[in-house]
């Protein structure tokens, strides 16, 4: 809050001196009568008045965390960094971990939701689908999103620059290419395209694009760090239905420094 302007005023007393000169001549001499100056009033001390308004600033209320089922309201992550403030309606569930944050619709384990990961890197495209990184791919939001858009198993929109929750980055939509048939050992014969793994060898996530498609954001968190966000449907909703329900939640996102 801006400090109110203040001004000072001063008043000084003034002394007024009156001098009268009376002259008269009588006979052969002259008499001159002079009025002595009246003693001047001593200067009055300067009087300064100043009004300074001080305003007390109420401490900012920090939203509480939410674990599991969240009543409608505003919350803030406790473990995930950078910390995330968001607002959800009733019916959303959350999971809060240092490198992952999940918002799901309907239940804790639902596949329909918004999923966040900290500092992912490009997943190896080896046909055996190992949980390993591809070190030849850059890690910036632009590098990752443009690499994803180039993968042969995907139909992707052109990545475009965005800002989400106060962080800059890139976003794109992806779906499996109709001709893509490659499955991984863990995908029960369903075609998938591996996308990201954790930045440390053998660390999660082992994240893939499946048949329902995704909307993806990769955001710059500073100091060569990044936040991955995706919307994906998998259980009860189509991607379009999820986007309609999840967009207000996403638009409430506000990231802050750890």
Protein backbone atom coordinates (compact mmCIF):
# COMPACT_ATOMS: atom_id res chain seq x y z
CA UNK A 1 0.00 0.00 0.00
CA UNK A 2 1.40 3.44 -0.91
CA UNK A 3 2.34 5.73 1.94
CA UNK A 4 -0.08 8.69 2.03
CA UNK A 5 1.38 12.03 0.92
CA UNK A 6 2.02 14.50 3.64
CA UNK A 7 2.82 18.19 3.70
CA UNK A 8 4.10 20.64 6.27
CA UNK A 9 3.06 24.29 6.81
CA UNK A 10 4.94 27.01 8.72
CA UNK A 11 3.75 30.29 10.14
CA UNK A 12 6.09 32.98 11.26
CA UNK A 13 5.06 36.08 13.35
CA UNK A 14 6.13 39.47 12.01
CA UNK A 15 6.98 42.61 14.02
CA UNK A 16 5.78 45.93 12.72
CA UNK A 17 7.79 49.05 13.58
CA UNK A 18 6.09 52.49 13.36
CA UNK A 19 8.26 55.60 13.18
CA UNK A 20 6.75 59.14 13.40
CA UNK A 21 8.78 62.25 12.79
CA UNK A 22 7.40 65.55 14.10
CA UNK A 23 9.24 68.77 13.36
CA UNK A 24 8.31 72.31 14.45
CA UNK A 25 10.21 75.61 14.46
CA UNK A 26 9.59 78.43 17.04
CA UNK A 27 11.45 81.74 17.30
CA UNK A 28 15.07 81.47 16.33
CA UNK A 29 15.52 77.79 17.21
CA UNK A 30 14.29 74.48 15.96
CA UNK A 31 12.99 71.68 18.02
CA UNK A 32 12.88 68.15 16.49
CA UNK A 33 10.80 65.54 18.21
CA UNK A 34 11.48 61.88 17.25
CA UNK A 35 9.29 59.00 18.21
CA UNK A 36 11.36 56.12 19.52
CA UNK A 37 10.78 52.88 17.63
CA UNK A 38 8.39 50.59 19.38
CA UNK A 39 10.16 47.47 20.57
CA UNK A 40 9.73 44.77 18.00
CA UNK A 41 7.90 41.63 18.93
CA UNK A 42 10.26 38.71 19.05
CA UNK A 43 9.93 36.33 16.10
CA UNK A 44 7.53 33.52 16.78
CA UNK A 45 9.07 30.09 16.54
CA UNK A 46 8.40 28.15 13.37
CA UNK A 47 5.50 25.80 13.85
CA UNK A 48 5.56 22.69 11.68
CA UNK A 49 2.77 20.25 11.52
CA UNK A 50 3.15 16.94 9.79
CA UNK A 51 0.64 14.16 9.47
CA UNK A 52 2.00 10.76 8.61
CA UNK A 53 -0.51 8.00 8.14
CA UNK A 54 0.67 4.50 8.85
CA UNK A 55 -1.38 1.63 7.57
CA UNK A 56 -1.14 -1.82 8.99
CA UNK A 57 -0.97 -4.49 6.27
CA UNK A 58 -2.73 -7.70 7.08
CA UNK A 59 -0.57 -10.78 6.45
CA UNK A 60 -1.44 -12.61 3.26
CA UNK A 61 -3.45 -15.72 3.93
CA UNK A 62 -1.76 -18.85 2.60
CA UNK A 63 -4.28 -21.40 1.28
CA UNK A 64 -4.19 -24.80 2.97
CA UNK A 65 -2.99 -27.97 1.24
CA UNK A 66 -5.39 -30.64 0.02
CA UNK A 67 -4.70 -34.36 -0.01
CA UNK A 68 -7.17 -36.76 -1.58
CA UNK A 69 -10.76 -35.54 -1.92
CA UNK A 70 -10.94 -31.73 -2.04
CA UNK A 71 -14.06 -29.77 -1.08
CA UNK A 72 -14.64 -26.86 -3.43
CA UNK A 73 -12.10 -24.15 -2.60
CA UNK A 74 -8.62 -22.73 -3.07
CA UNK A 75 -5.54 -24.72 -2.04
CA UNK A 76 -1.75 -24.69 -2.27
CA UNK A 77 0.70 -27.52 -2.81
CA UNK A 78 2.85 -28.39 0.18
CA UNK A 79 5.38 -30.80 -1.34
CA UNK A 80 5.40 -30.02 -5.05
CA UNK A 81 7.75 -27.23 -6.13
CA UNK A 82 7.47 -24.56 -7.38
CA UNK A 83 4.51 -24.20 -5.04
CA UNK A 84 1.17 -24.15 -6.82
CA UNK A 85 -2.00 -22.33 -5.77
CA UNK A 86 -5.23 -23.43 -7.46
CA UNK A 87 -9.02 -23.52 -7.13
CA UNK A 88 -11.16 -26.62 -7.69
CA UNK A 89 -14.88 -27.35 -7.61
CA UNK A 90 -16.19 -30.36 -5.71
CA UNK A 91 -15.39 -33.75 -7.20
CA UNK A 92 -11.63 -33.36 -7.69
CA UNK A 93 -8.92 -35.40 -5.99
CA UNK A 94 -5.26 -34.45 -5.61
CA UNK A 95 -1.94 -36.15 -4.93
CA UNK A 96 0.97 -33.97 -3.78
CA UNK A 97 4.57 -35.19 -4.12
CA UNK A 98 7.86 -33.23 -4.49
CA UNK A 99 8.18 -34.08 -8.20
CA UNK A 100 4.56 -34.90 -9.11
CA UNK A 101 1.13 -33.38 -8.59
CA UNK A 102 -2.06 -35.01 -9.84
CA UNK A 103 -5.62 -33.72 -10.20
CA UNK A 104 -8.11 -36.46 -11.01
CA UNK A 105 -11.87 -36.43 -11.55
CA UNK A 106 -14.09 -38.90 -9.73
CA UNK A 107 -11.54 -40.80 -7.62
CA UNK A 108 -7.93 -40.90 -6.46
CA UNK A 109 -6.90 -43.46 -9.04
CA UNK A 110 -8.84 -42.14 -12.02
CA UNK A 111 -7.10 -41.76 -15.36
CA UNK A 112 -9.01 -38.58 -16.23
CA UNK A 113 -7.20 -35.51 -14.99
CA UNK A 114 -4.37 -32.99 -14.97
CA UNK A 115 -0.89 -34.33 -14.26
CA UNK A 116 2.20 -32.30 -13.34
CA UNK A 117 5.83 -33.45 -13.28
CA UNK A 118 8.97 -31.60 -12.30
CA UNK A 119 12.07 -31.58 -14.56
CA UNK A 120 11.20 -34.39 -17.02
CA UNK A 121 13.45 -35.26 -19.97
CA UNK A 122 12.83 -36.91 -23.34
CA UNK A 123 12.05 -40.64 -23.21
CA UNK A 124 14.15 -43.08 -25.21
CA UNK A 125 12.44 -44.22 -28.41
CA UNK A 126 14.17 -47.60 -28.37
CA UNK A 127 11.64 -50.25 -29.56
CA UNK A 128 11.97 -52.15 -26.27
CA UNK A 129 10.63 -49.06 -24.39
CA UNK A 130 13.30 -48.96 -21.64
CA UNK A 131 12.75 -46.51 -18.79
CA UNK A 132 15.61 -44.34 -20.00
CA UNK A 133 16.28 -40.85 -21.30
CA UNK A 134 17.36 -39.78 -24.76
CA UNK A 135 20.37 -37.56 -24.01
CA UNK A 136 20.43 -36.12 -27.52
CA UNK A 137 17.21 -34.13 -26.96
CA UNK A 138 17.36 -30.73 -25.28
CA UNK A 139 15.50 -30.11 -22.04
CA UNK A 140 14.04 -26.63 -22.58
CA UNK A 141 10.26 -26.30 -23.04
CA UNK A 142 10.80 -25.45 -26.69
CA UNK A 143 13.14 -28.41 -27.25
CA UNK A 144 10.81 -30.91 -25.61
CA UNK A 145 7.59 -29.77 -27.25
CA UNK A 146 9.07 -29.55 -30.74
CA UNK A 147 10.66 -32.99 -30.31
CA UNK A 148 7.29 -34.45 -29.25
CA UNK A 149 5.60 -32.86 -32.25
CA UNK A 150 8.14 -34.61 -34.53
CA UNK A 151 7.59 -38.15 -33.21
CA UNK A 152 6.34 -40.46 -35.99
CA UNK A 153 3.72 -42.15 -33.81
CA UNK A 154 1.85 -38.90 -33.13
CA UNK A 155 -0.41 -36.42 -34.85
CA UNK A 156 0.46 -33.13 -33.17
CA UNK A 157 -0.38 -29.47 -33.41
CA UNK A 158 2.45 -27.00 -33.87
CA UNK A 159 3.82 -25.99 -30.44
CA UNK A 160 2.96 -22.42 -29.55
CA UNK A 161 4.32 -20.08 -26.89
CA UNK A 162 2.10 -19.54 -23.84
CA UNK A 163 2.15 -18.35 -20.25
CA UNK A 164 0.43 -20.44 -17.58
CA UNK A 165 0.32 -19.72 -13.86
CA UNK A 166 2.97 -17.04 -14.29
CA UNK A 167 5.48 -19.30 -16.08
CA UNK A 168 6.32 -19.07 -19.80
CA UNK A 169 6.47 -22.14 -22.01
CA UNK A 170 4.96 -24.00 -24.95
CA UNK A 171 1.80 -26.02 -25.49
CA UNK A 172 0.55 -28.56 -28.05
CA UNK A 173 -2.13 -31.22 -28.54
CA UNK A 174 -1.25 -34.79 -29.51
CA UNK A 175 -3.06 -37.93 -30.58
CA UNK A 176 -1.78 -41.29 -31.77
CA UNK A 177 -1.34 -41.52 -35.52
CA UNK A 178 -3.96 -43.94 -36.95
CA UNK A 179 -1.21 -46.02 -38.53
CA UNK A 180 0.83 -46.37 -35.30
CA UNK A 181 0.74 -49.94 -33.97
CA UNK A 182 3.81 -50.17 -31.74
CA UNK A 183 3.10 -51.40 -28.21
CA UNK A 184 5.37 -51.48 -25.15
CA UNK A 185 5.73 -54.50 -22.81
CA UNK A 186 3.58 -52.74 -20.21
CA UNK A 187 0.79 -51.47 -22.51
CA UNK A 188 -1.23 -54.70 -22.80
CA UNK A 189 -0.84 -54.75 -26.55
CA UNK A 190 -2.18 -51.22 -26.95
CA UNK A 191 -0.16 -48.83 -29.12
CA UNK A 192 1.66 -46.12 -27.17
CA UNK A 193 4.39 -43.53 -27.71
CA UNK A 194 6.84 -42.99 -24.80
CA UNK A 195 7.17 -39.27 -23.98
CA UNK A 196 9.09 -38.43 -20.78
CA UNK A 197 11.04 -39.90 -17.87
CA UNK A 198 12.57 -38.38 -14.76
CA UNK A 199 15.81 -36.44 -15.04
CA UNK A 200 17.63 -38.94 -12.81
CA UNK A 201 18.34 -42.39 -14.24
CA UNK A 202 15.62 -44.87 -13.35
CA UNK A 203 13.36 -42.24 -11.81
CA UNK A 204 9.72 -41.67 -12.69
CA UNK A 205 7.63 -40.84 -14.45
CA UNK A 206 7.61 -43.33 -17.30
CA UNK A 207 4.95 -41.36 -19.18
CA UNK A 208 3.38 -42.28 -22.49
CA UNK A 209 0.77 -41.10 -24.98
CA UNK A 210 -2.10 -43.54 -25.33
CA UNK A 211 -5.15 -43.77 -27.57
CA UNK A 212 -7.15 -40.92 -25.99
CA UNK A 213 -4.64 -38.12 -26.66
CA UNK A 214 -3.27 -35.29 -24.53
CA UNK A 215 -3.00 -31.54 -24.24
CA UNK A 216 0.52 -30.74 -23.02
CA UNK A 217 2.28 -27.72 -21.55
CA UNK A 218 6.00 -27.53 -20.76
CA UNK A 219 6.84 -24.46 -18.67
CA UNK A 220 10.13 -22.77 -17.79
CA UNK A 221 10.62 -22.73 -13.99
CA UNK A 222 14.02 -20.98 -14.18
CA UNK A 223 17.58 -22.20 -13.63
CA UNK A 224 17.16 -24.90 -16.31
CA UNK A 225 14.16 -26.33 -14.44
CA UNK A 226 10.77 -27.03 -15.96
CA UNK A 227 7.21 -28.08 -15.17
CA UNK A 228 5.33 -30.55 -17.37
CA UNK A 229 1.52 -30.39 -17.34
CA UNK A 230 -0.85 -32.53 -19.35
CA UNK A 231 -4.59 -33.11 -19.54
CA UNK A 232 -5.54 -36.61 -20.50
CA UNK A 233 -8.67 -38.72 -20.42
CA UNK A 234 -8.61 -42.43 -19.84
CA UNK A 235 -11.49 -43.79 -17.82
CA UNK A 236 -14.87 -42.12 -18.21
CA UNK A 237 -14.31 -38.95 -20.23
CA UNK A 238 -13.22 -38.06 -23.72
CA UNK A 239 -10.39 -35.55 -24.03
CA UNK A 240 -12.86 -32.86 -25.15
CA UNK A 241 -15.05 -33.50 -22.10
CA UNK A 242 -12.04 -33.36 -19.81
CA UNK A 243 -10.78 -30.13 -21.36
CA UNK A 244 -14.17 -28.52 -20.68
CA UNK A 245 -14.13 -29.59 -17.02
CA UNK A 246 -10.44 -29.05 -16.35
CA UNK A 247 -9.81 -25.71 -18.07
CA UNK A 248 -11.24 -23.58 -15.19
CA UNK A 249 -8.95 -25.44 -12.77
CA UNK A 250 -5.97 -24.93 -15.03
CA UNK A 251 -6.75 -21.23 -15.45
CA UNK A 252 -6.67 -20.81 -11.66
CA UNK A 253 -3.05 -22.04 -11.46
CA UNK A 254 -0.51 -19.68 -9.90
CA UNK A 255 3.09 -20.81 -9.43
CA UNK A 256 5.44 -19.17 -6.96
CA UNK A 257 9.11 -19.59 -6.11
CA UNK A 258 10.02 -22.37 -3.63
